[in-house]
Amino acid sequence: MATEEITDRDRELAQQCVECKVCVSAREKPRSIAYWFVRLLERGICPACKAYKKVHGRAAHEAVRPE
């Protein structure tokens, strides 16, 4: 199974998603309008959301759970 290499550009775009107010709101409040909006965007419209999934291994709208 071939995996894609994570580039510096992917990391930059993923950082934009980490700092995005809409995406942060979606991760913090899964029952919000922002959550549903980000779910629709990450399907192929937003390159930052796609990069976030590639770098972090989870979708941009998924809540970050402490381990």
PDB file of N, CA and C in Angstrom:
ATOM      1  N   MET A   1       0.840  -1.169   0.000  1.00  0.00           N
ATOM      2  CA  MET A   1       0.000   0.000   0.000  1.00  0.00           C
ATOM      3  C   MET A   1       0.893   1.242   0.000  1.00  0.00           C
ATOM      4  N   ALA A   2       0.791   2.056  -0.997  1.00  0.00           N
ATOM      5  CA  ALA A   2       1.609   3.262  -1.107  1.00  0.00           C
ATOM      6  C   ALA A   2       0.964   4.413  -0.346  1.00  0.00           C
ATOM      7  N   THR A   3       1.767   5.107   0.449  1.00  0.00           N
ATOM      8  CA  THR A   3       1.261   6.270   1.169  1.00  0.00           C
ATOM      9  C   THR A   3       1.883   7.518   0.557  1.00  0.00           C
ATOM     10  N   GLU A   4       1.110   8.587   0.568  1.00  0.00           N
ATOM     11  CA  GLU A   4       1.616   9.841   0.019  1.00  0.00           C
ATOM     12  C   GLU A   4       2.555  10.493   1.016  1.00  0.00           C
ATOM     13  N   GLU A   5       3.607  11.077   0.489  1.00  0.00           N
ATOM     14  CA  GLU A   5       4.565  11.781   1.334  1.00  0.00           C
ATOM     15  C   GLU A   5       3.978  13.132   1.748  1.00  0.00           C
ATOM     16  N   ILE A   6       4.179  13.491   2.996  1.00  0.00           N
ATOM     17  CA  ILE A   6       3.699  14.774   3.503  1.00  0.00           C
ATOM     18  C   ILE A   6       4.759  15.825   3.214  1.00  0.00           C
ATOM     19  N   THR A   7       4.383  16.825   2.451  1.00  0.00           N
ATOM     20  CA  THR A   7       5.318  17.869   2.040  1.00  0.00           C
ATOM     21  C   THR A   7       5.225  19.076   2.972  1.00  0.00           C
ATOM     22  N   ASP A   8       6.163  19.996   2.812  1.00  0.00           N
ATOM     23  CA  ASP A   8       6.125  21.237   3.589  1.00  0.00           C
ATOM     24  C   ASP A   8       4.864  22.034   3.262  1.00  0.00           C
ATOM     25  N   ARG A   9       4.453  21.998   2.025  1.00  0.00           N
ATOM     26  CA  ARG A   9       3.219  22.695   1.612  1.00  0.00           C
ATOM     27  C   ARG A   9       2.013  22.107   2.335  1.00  0.00           C
ATOM     28  N   ASP A  10       1.957  20.792   2.468  1.00  0.00           N
ATOM     29  CA  ASP A  10       0.870  20.141   3.214  1.00  0.00           C
ATOM     30  C   ASP A  10       0.859  20.619   4.662  1.00  0.00           C
ATOM     31  N   ARG A  11       2.032  20.717   5.259  1.00  0.00           N
ATOM     32  CA  ARG A  11       2.124  21.174   6.654  1.00  0.00           C
ATOM     33  C   ARG A  11       1.663  22.620   6.795  1.00  0.00           C
ATOM     34  N   GLU A  12       2.012  23.461   5.821  1.00  0.00           N
ATOM     35  CA  GLU A  12       1.583  24.864   5.846  1.00  0.00           C
ATOM     36  C   GLU A  12       0.061  24.970   5.742  1.00  0.00           C
ATOM     37  N   LEU A  13      -0.514  24.222   4.825  1.00  0.00           N
ATOM     38  CA  LEU A  13      -1.968  24.243   4.659  1.00  0.00           C
ATOM     39  C   LEU A  13      -2.672  23.667   5.886  1.00  0.00           C
ATOM     40  N   ALA A  14      -2.127  22.619   6.461  1.00  0.00           N
ATOM     41  CA  ALA A  14      -2.720  22.032   7.664  1.00  0.00           C
ATOM     42  C   ALA A  14      -2.674  23.028   8.813  1.00  0.00           C
ATOM     43  N   GLN A  15      -1.606  23.814   8.901  1.00  0.00           N
ATOM     44  CA  GLN A  15      -1.505  24.837   9.946  1.00  0.00           C
ATOM     45  C   GLN A  15      -2.568  25.916   9.750  1.00  0.00           C
ATOM     46  N   GLN A  16      -2.872  26.249   8.502  1.00  0.00           N
ATOM     47  CA  GLN A  16      -3.947  27.207   8.233  1.00  0.00           C
ATOM     48  C   GLN A  16      -5.267  26.671   8.759  1.00  0.00           C
ATOM     49  N   CYS A  17      -5.500  25.383   8.590  1.00  0.00           N
ATOM     50  CA  CYS A  17      -6.728  24.752   9.083  1.00  0.00           C
ATOM     51  C   CYS A  17      -6.753  24.760  10.606  1.00  0.00           C
ATOM     52  N   VAL A  18      -5.611  24.535  11.246  1.00  0.00           N
ATOM     53  CA  VAL A  18      -5.524  24.556  12.707  1.00  0.00           C
ATOM     54  C   VAL A  18      -5.895  25.936  13.228  1.00  0.00           C
ATOM     55  N   GLU A  19      -5.523  26.984  12.506  1.00  0.00           N
ATOM     56  CA  GLU A  19      -5.766  28.360  12.932  1.00  0.00           C
ATOM     57  C   GLU A  19      -7.093  28.925  12.441  1.00  0.00           C
ATOM     58  N   CYS A  20      -7.776  28.244  11.554  1.00  0.00           N
ATOM     59  CA  CYS A  20      -9.034  28.714  10.974  1.00  0.00           C
ATOM     60  C   CYS A  20     -10.126  28.747  12.042  1.00  0.00           C
ATOM     61  N   LYS A  21     -10.772  29.893  12.198  1.00  0.00           N
ATOM     62  CA  LYS A  21     -11.792  30.048  13.235  1.00  0.00           C
ATOM     63  C   LYS A  21     -12.996  29.140  13.005  1.00  0.00           C
ATOM     64  N   VAL A  22     -13.359  28.936  11.765  1.00  0.00           N
ATOM     65  CA  VAL A  22     -14.498  28.070  11.460  1.00  0.00           C
ATOM     66  C   VAL A  22     -14.166  26.613  11.795  1.00  0.00           C
ATOM     67  N   CYS A  23     -12.987  26.167  11.410  1.00  0.00           N
ATOM     68  CA  CYS A  23     -12.584  24.785  11.685  1.00  0.00           C
ATOM     69  C   CYS A  23     -12.394  24.547  13.183  1.00  0.00           C
ATOM     70  N   VAL A  24     -11.839  25.526  13.881  1.00  0.00           N
ATOM     71  CA  VAL A  24     -11.675  25.413  15.335  1.00  0.00           C
ATOM     72  C   VAL A  24     -13.040  25.284  15.999  1.00  0.00           C
ATOM     73  N   SER A  25     -13.981  26.095  15.564  1.00  0.00           N
ATOM     74  CA  SER A  25     -15.329  26.033  16.113  1.00  0.00           C
ATOM     75  C   SER A  25     -15.968  24.671  15.831  1.00  0.00           C
ATOM     76  N   ALA A  26     -15.747  24.141  14.642  1.00  0.00           N
ATOM     77  CA  ALA A  26     -16.294  22.828  14.279  1.00  0.00           C
ATOM     78  C   ALA A  26     -15.712  21.731  15.162  1.00  0.00           C
ATOM     79  N   ARG A  27     -14.414  21.825  15.475  1.00  0.00           N
ATOM     80  CA  ARG A  27     -13.793  20.808  16.326  1.00  0.00           C
ATOM     81  C   ARG A  27     -14.266  20.925  17.777  1.00  0.00           C
ATOM     82  N   GLU A  28     -14.510  22.141  18.234  1.00  0.00           N
ATOM     83  CA  GLU A  28     -14.918  22.350  19.628  1.00  0.00           C
ATOM     84  C   GLU A  28     -16.402  22.088  19.859  1.00  0.00           C
ATOM     85  N   LYS A  29     -17.231  22.370  18.850  1.00  0.00           N
ATOM     86  CA  LYS A  29     -18.683  22.246  19.000  1.00  0.00           C
ATOM     87  C   LYS A  29     -19.254  21.389  17.873  1.00  0.00           C
ATOM     88  N   PRO A  30     -19.289  20.072  18.074  1.00  0.00           N
ATOM     89  CA  PRO A  30     -19.721  19.182  16.991  1.00  0.00           C
ATOM     90  C   PRO A  30     -21.196  19.284  16.610  1.00  0.00           C
ATOM     91  N   ARG A  31     -21.993  20.007  17.362  1.00  0.00           N
ATOM     92  CA  ARG A  31     -23.400  20.160  16.992  1.00  0.00           C
ATOM     93  C   ARG A  31     -23.691  21.552  16.442  1.00  0.00           C
ATOM     94  N   SER A  32     -22.663  22.238  15.998  1.00  0.00           N
ATOM     95  CA  SER A  32     -22.820  23.604  15.509  1.00  0.00           C
ATOM     96  C   SER A  32     -22.984  23.635  13.988  1.00  0.00           C
ATOM     97  N   ILE A  33     -23.381  24.792  13.503  1.00  0.00           N
ATOM     98  CA  ILE A  33     -23.475  24.997  12.061  1.00  0.00           C
ATOM     99  C   ILE A  33     -22.085  24.916  11.441  1.00  0.00           C
ATOM    100  N   ALA A  34     -21.075  25.388  12.153  1.00  0.00           N
ATOM    101  CA  ALA A  34     -19.699  25.339  11.649  1.00  0.00           C
ATOM    102  C   ALA A  34     -19.277  23.897  11.364  1.00  0.00           C
ATOM    103  N   TYR A  35     -19.676  22.975  12.216  1.00  0.00           N
ATOM    104  CA  TYR A  35     -19.348  21.554  12.030  1.00  0.00           C
ATOM    105  C   TYR A  35     -19.867  21.061  10.675  1.00  0.00           C
ATOM    106  N   TRP A  36     -21.118  21.345  10.388  1.00  0.00           N
ATOM    107  CA  TRP A  36     -21.712  20.867   9.136  1.00  0.00           C
ATOM    108  C   TRP A  36     -21.109  21.595   7.939  1.00  0.00           C
ATOM    109  N   PHE A  37     -20.801  22.872   8.114  1.00  0.00           N
ATOM    110  CA  PHE A  37     -20.178  23.649   7.047  1.00  0.00           C
ATOM    111  C   PHE A  37     -18.801  23.080   6.700  1.00  0.00           C
ATOM    112  N   VAL A  38     -18.007  22.785   7.703  1.00  0.00           N
ATOM    113  CA  VAL A  38     -16.655  22.236   7.463  1.00  0.00           C
ATOM    114  C   VAL A  38     -16.750  20.849   6.846  1.00  0.00           C
ATOM    115  N   ARG A  39     -17.711  20.061   7.270  1.00  0.00           N
ATOM    116  CA  ARG A  39     -17.880  18.730   6.667  1.00  0.00           C
ATOM    117  C   ARG A  39     -18.133  18.835   5.174  1.00  0.00           C
ATOM    118  N   LEU A  40     -18.922  19.820   4.765  1.00  0.00           N
ATOM    119  CA  LEU A  40     -19.195  20.007   3.343  1.00  0.00           C
ATOM    120  C   LEU A  40     -17.964  20.536   2.605  1.00  0.00           C
ATOM    121  N   LEU A  41     -17.238  21.456   3.226  1.00  0.00           N
ATOM    122  CA  LEU A  41     -16.055  22.039   2.589  1.00  0.00           C
ATOM    123  C   LEU A  41     -14.944  21.033   2.370  1.00  0.00           C
ATOM    124  N   GLU A  42     -14.726  20.170   3.332  1.00  0.00           N
ATOM    125  CA  GLU A  42     -13.572  19.282   3.239  1.00  0.00           C
ATOM    126  C   GLU A  42     -13.747  18.172   2.218  1.00  0.00           C
ATOM    127  N   ARG A  43     -14.910  18.060   1.641  1.00  0.00           N
ATOM    128  CA  ARG A  43     -15.134  17.021   0.637  1.00  0.00           C
ATOM    129  C   ARG A  43     -14.340  17.242  -0.640  1.00  0.00           C
ATOM    130  N   GLY A  44     -13.718  18.387  -0.777  1.00  0.00           N
ATOM    131  CA  GLY A  44     -12.925  18.611  -1.971  1.00  0.00           C
ATOM    132  C   GLY A  44     -12.746  20.069  -2.308  1.00  0.00           C
ATOM    133  N   ILE A  45     -13.397  20.937  -1.573  1.00  0.00           N
ATOM    134  CA  ILE A  45     -13.316  22.350  -1.884  1.00  0.00           C
ATOM    135  C   ILE A  45     -12.108  23.003  -1.221  1.00  0.00           C
ATOM    136  N   CYS A  46     -11.871  22.710   0.040  1.00  0.00           N
ATOM    137  CA  CYS A  46     -10.841  23.398   0.814  1.00  0.00           C
ATOM    138  C   CYS A  46      -9.529  22.603   0.840  1.00  0.00           C
ATOM    139  N   PRO A  47      -8.467  23.142   0.245  1.00  0.00           N
ATOM    140  CA  PRO A  47      -7.189  22.425   0.261  1.00  0.00           C
ATOM    141  C   PRO A  47      -6.580  22.350   1.662  1.00  0.00           C
ATOM    142  N   ALA A  48      -6.888  23.311   2.528  1.00  0.00           N
ATOM    143  CA  ALA A  48      -6.356  23.286   3.891  1.00  0.00           C
ATOM    144  C   ALA A  48      -6.977  22.126   4.680  1.00  0.00           C
ATOM    145  N   CYS A  49      -8.269  21.883   4.481  1.00  0.00           N
ATOM    146  CA  CYS A  49      -8.926  20.764   5.168  1.00  0.00           C
ATOM    147  C   CYS A  49      -8.376  19.422   4.686  1.00  0.00           C
ATOM    148  N   LYS A  50      -8.120  19.317   3.387  1.00  0.00           N
ATOM    149  CA  LYS A  50      -7.544  18.082   2.848  1.00  0.00           C
ATOM    150  C   LYS A  50      -6.141  17.852   3.408  1.00  0.00           C
ATOM    151  N   ALA A  51      -5.356  18.918   3.503  1.00  0.00           N
ATOM    152  CA  ALA A  51      -4.003  18.807   4.043  1.00  0.00           C
ATOM    153  C   ALA A  51      -4.040  18.441   5.519  1.00  0.00           C
ATOM    154  N   TYR A  52      -4.994  18.989   6.259  1.00  0.00           N
ATOM    155  CA  TYR A  52      -5.143  18.671   7.680  1.00  0.00           C
ATOM    156  C   TYR A  52      -5.365  17.171   7.852  1.00  0.00           C
ATOM    157  N   LYS A  53      -6.234  16.614   7.030  1.00  0.00           N
ATOM    158  CA  LYS A  53      -6.502  15.171   7.114  1.00  0.00           C
ATOM    159  C   LYS A  53      -5.257  14.359   6.763  1.00  0.00           C
ATOM    160  N   LYS A  54      -4.518  14.810   5.779  1.00  0.00           N
ATOM    161  CA  LYS A  54      -3.310  14.099   5.357  1.00  0.00           C
ATOM    162  C   LYS A  54      -2.238  14.136   6.445  1.00  0.00           C
ATOM    163  N   VAL A  55      -2.062  15.301   7.082  1.00  0.00           N
ATOM    164  CA  VAL A  55      -1.013  15.468   8.082  1.00  0.00           C
ATOM    165  C   VAL A  55      -1.401  14.861   9.426  1.00  0.00           C
ATOM    166  N   HIS A  56      -2.640  15.105   9.874  1.00  0.00           N
ATOM    167  CA  HIS A  56      -3.051  14.690  11.212  1.00  0.00           C
ATOM    168  C   HIS A  56      -3.777  13.344  11.258  1.00  0.00           C
ATOM    169  N   GLY A  57      -4.190  12.845  10.120  1.00  0.00           N
ATOM    170  CA  GLY A  57      -4.819  11.539  10.075  1.00  0.00           C
ATOM    171  C   GLY A  57      -6.268  11.526  10.536  1.00  0.00           C
ATOM    172  N   ARG A  58      -6.897  12.683  10.624  1.00  0.00           N
ATOM    173  CA  ARG A  58      -8.322  12.752  10.957  1.00  0.00           C
ATOM    174  C   ARG A  58      -8.920  13.943  10.225  1.00  0.00           C
ATOM    175  N   ALA A  59     -10.215  13.904  10.058  1.00  0.00           N
ATOM    176  CA  ALA A  59     -10.898  14.970   9.332  1.00  0.00           C
ATOM    177  C   ALA A  59     -10.837  16.288  10.097  1.00  0.00           C
ATOM    178  N   ALA A  60     -10.955  17.376   9.372  1.00  0.00           N
ATOM    179  CA  ALA A  60     -10.841  18.709   9.960  1.00  0.00           C
ATOM    180  C   ALA A  60     -11.950  19.013  10.953  1.00  0.00           C
ATOM    181  N   HIS A  61     -13.092  18.356  10.836  1.00  0.00           N
ATOM    182  CA  HIS A  61     -14.201  18.629  11.739  1.00  0.00           C
ATOM    183  C   HIS A  61     -14.212  17.727  12.970  1.00  0.00           C
ATOM    184  N   GLU A  62     -13.396  16.696  12.987  1.00  0.00           N
ATOM    185  CA  GLU A  62     -13.385  15.760  14.119  1.00  0.00           C
ATOM    186  C   GLU A  62     -12.759  16.394  15.352  1.00  0.00           C
ATOM    187  N   ALA A  63     -13.393  16.193  16.478  1.00  0.00           N
ATOM    188  CA  ALA A  63     -12.902  16.741  17.739  1.00  0.00           C
ATOM    189  C   ALA A  63     -11.572  16.097  18.113  1.00  0.00           C
ATOM    190  N   VAL A  64     -10.706  16.903  18.668  1.00  0.00           N
ATOM    191  CA  VAL A  64      -9.413  16.419  19.156  1.00  0.00           C
ATOM    192  C   VAL A  64      -9.618  15.947  20.586  1.00  0.00           C
ATOM    193  N   ARG A  65      -9.421  14.665  20.798  1.00  0.00           N
ATOM    194  CA  ARG A  65      -9.636  14.100  22.137  1.00  0.00           C
ATOM    195  C   ARG A  65      -8.286  13.886  22.821  1.00  0.00           C
ATOM    196  N   PRO A  66      -8.135  14.399  24.030  1.00  0.00           N
ATOM    197  CA  PRO A  66      -6.864  14.175  24.747  1.00  0.00           C
ATOM    198  C   PRO A  66      -6.723  12.705  25.122  1.00  0.00           C
ATOM    199  N   GLU A  67      -5.508  12.223  25.068  1.00  0.00           N
ATOM    200  CA  GLU A  67      -5.262  10.805  25.396  1.00  0.00           C
ATOM    201  C   GLU A  67      -4.748  10.654  26.799  1.00  0.00           C
TER     202      GLU A  67
END
